[in-house]
Amino acid sequence: MANNIKAGMKKTSVILLISTVITGLAIAWIDARPNWDDTGIASTQNWGSLLAFIPGFAGAYLGFNLIRKFK
């Protein structure tokens, strides 16, 4: 039963990874269009907003590993 749960989690992770990559590529393609009215939502010129991702990624990474450690 535990193997079925792990296989299901692995399948879900792969599906989420693929959908995330497709979404990111779609945003990049739309944002790169010559007539796109860039409002700064997907723009990387705002370094402050990029720095805000660091604590978010760190928290997600630590939370994921803490859950794995105590399971």
C-alpha atoms as a PDB file:
ATOM      1  CA  MET A   1       0.000   0.000   0.000  1.00  0.00           C
ATOM      2  CA  ALA A   2       2.850   2.387   0.807  1.00  0.00           C
ATOM      3  CA  ASN A   3       4.336   1.769  -2.640  1.00  0.00           C
ATOM      4  CA  ASN A   4       1.023   2.738  -4.255  1.00  0.00           C
ATOM      5  CA  ILE A   5       0.973   6.000  -2.300  1.00  0.00           C
ATOM      6  CA  LYS A   6       4.572   6.808  -3.284  1.00  0.00           C
ATOM      7  CA  ALA A   7       3.838   5.991  -6.936  1.00  0.00           C
ATOM      8  CA  GLY A   8       0.776   8.247  -6.852  1.00  0.00           C
ATOM      9  CA  MET A   9       2.764  11.072  -5.278  1.00  0.00           C
ATOM     10  CA  LYS A  10       5.501  10.670  -7.883  1.00  0.00           C
ATOM     11  CA  LYS A  11       2.912  10.767 -10.686  1.00  0.00           C
ATOM     12  CA  THR A  12       1.348  13.889  -9.194  1.00  0.00           C
ATOM     13  CA  SER A  13       4.757  15.552  -8.918  1.00  0.00           C
ATOM     14  CA  VAL A  14       5.536  14.813 -12.560  1.00  0.00           C
ATOM     15  CA  ILE A  15       2.157  16.186 -13.672  1.00  0.00           C
ATOM     16  CA  LEU A  16       2.668  19.347 -11.613  1.00  0.00           C
ATOM     17  CA  LEU A  17       6.185  19.801 -12.983  1.00  0.00           C
ATOM     18  CA  ILE A  18       5.031  19.453 -16.584  1.00  0.00           C
ATOM     19  CA  SER A  19       2.101  21.844 -16.097  1.00  0.00           C
ATOM     20  CA  THR A  20       4.373  24.379 -14.391  1.00  0.00           C
ATOM     21  CA  VAL A  21       6.904  24.271 -17.217  1.00  0.00           C
ATOM     22  CA  ILE A  22       4.158  24.650 -19.838  1.00  0.00           C
ATOM     23  CA  THR A  23       2.660  27.610 -17.961  1.00  0.00           C
ATOM     24  CA  GLY A  24       6.067  29.272 -17.617  1.00  0.00           C
ATOM     25  CA  LEU A  25       6.813  28.814 -21.304  1.00  0.00           C
ATOM     26  CA  ALA A  26       3.403  30.249 -22.230  1.00  0.00           C
ATOM     27  CA  ILE A  27       4.016  33.317 -20.051  1.00  0.00           C
ATOM     28  CA  ALA A  28       7.486  33.775 -21.542  1.00  0.00           C
ATOM     29  CA  TRP A  29       6.138  33.457 -25.091  1.00  0.00           C
ATOM     30  CA  ILE A  30       3.316  35.949 -24.496  1.00  0.00           C
ATOM     31  CA  ASP A  31       5.613  38.387 -22.685  1.00  0.00           C
ATOM     32  CA  ALA A  32       8.133  38.257 -25.550  1.00  0.00           C
ATOM     33  CA  ARG A  33       5.570  39.283 -28.172  1.00  0.00           C
ATOM     34  CA  PRO A  34       6.486  42.603 -29.841  1.00  0.00           C
ATOM     35  CA  ASN A  35       3.115  44.290 -29.277  1.00  0.00           C
ATOM     36  CA  TRP A  36       2.575  43.023 -25.757  1.00  0.00           C
ATOM     37  CA  ASP A  37       1.600  45.781 -23.355  1.00  0.00           C
ATOM     38  CA  ASP A  38       4.100  44.939 -20.633  1.00  0.00           C
ATOM     39  CA  THR A  39       2.738  46.048 -17.281  1.00  0.00           C
ATOM     40  CA  GLY A  40       5.600  44.544 -15.325  1.00  0.00           C
ATOM     41  CA  ILE A  41       3.720  41.497 -14.087  1.00  0.00           C
ATOM     42  CA  ALA A  42       6.035  38.998 -15.753  1.00  0.00           C
ATOM     43  CA  SER A  43       8.942  41.385 -16.223  1.00  0.00           C
ATOM     44  CA  THR A  44      12.257  40.644 -14.536  1.00  0.00           C
ATOM     45  CA  GLN A  45      13.399  44.261 -14.454  1.00  0.00           C
ATOM     46  CA  ASN A  46      12.119  44.734 -10.912  1.00  0.00           C
ATOM     47  CA  TRP A  47      14.890  43.156  -8.813  1.00  0.00           C
ATOM     48  CA  GLY A  48      13.021  43.760  -5.552  1.00  0.00           C
ATOM     49  CA  SER A  49      10.235  41.446  -6.641  1.00  0.00           C
ATOM     50  CA  LEU A  50      12.747  38.794  -7.654  1.00  0.00           C
ATOM     51  CA  LEU A  51      14.401  39.017  -4.245  1.00  0.00           C
ATOM     52  CA  ALA A  52      11.012  38.361  -2.667  1.00  0.00           C
ATOM     53  CA  PHE A  53      11.079  34.864  -4.171  1.00  0.00           C
ATOM     54  CA  ILE A  54      14.092  33.860  -2.068  1.00  0.00           C
ATOM     55  CA  PRO A  55      12.272  33.570   1.295  1.00  0.00           C
ATOM     56  CA  GLY A  56       9.331  31.908  -0.438  1.00  0.00           C
ATOM     57  CA  PHE A  57      11.486  29.246  -2.056  1.00  0.00           C
ATOM     58  CA  ALA A  58      13.510  28.778   1.134  1.00  0.00           C
ATOM     59  CA  GLY A  59      10.348  28.291   3.191  1.00  0.00           C
ATOM     60  CA  ALA A  60       8.869  25.827   0.716  1.00  0.00           C
ATOM     61  CA  TYR A  61      12.132  23.872   0.542  1.00  0.00           C
ATOM     62  CA  LEU A  62      12.559  23.738   4.319  1.00  0.00           C
ATOM     63  CA  GLY A  63       8.917  22.824   4.900  1.00  0.00           C
ATOM     64  CA  PHE A  64       9.068  20.022   2.361  1.00  0.00           C
ATOM     65  CA  ASN A  65      12.242  18.576   3.863  1.00  0.00           C
ATOM     66  CA  LEU A  66      10.987  18.861   7.447  1.00  0.00           C
ATOM     67  CA  ILE A  67       7.844  16.925   6.539  1.00  0.00           C
ATOM     68  CA  ARG A  68       9.931  14.244   4.825  1.00  0.00           C
ATOM     69  CA  LYS A  69      12.217  13.995   7.834  1.00  0.00           C
ATOM     70  CA  PHE A  70       9.432  13.468  10.378  1.00  0.00           C
ATOM     71  CA  LYS A  71       7.333  11.027   8.317  1.00  0.00           C
END
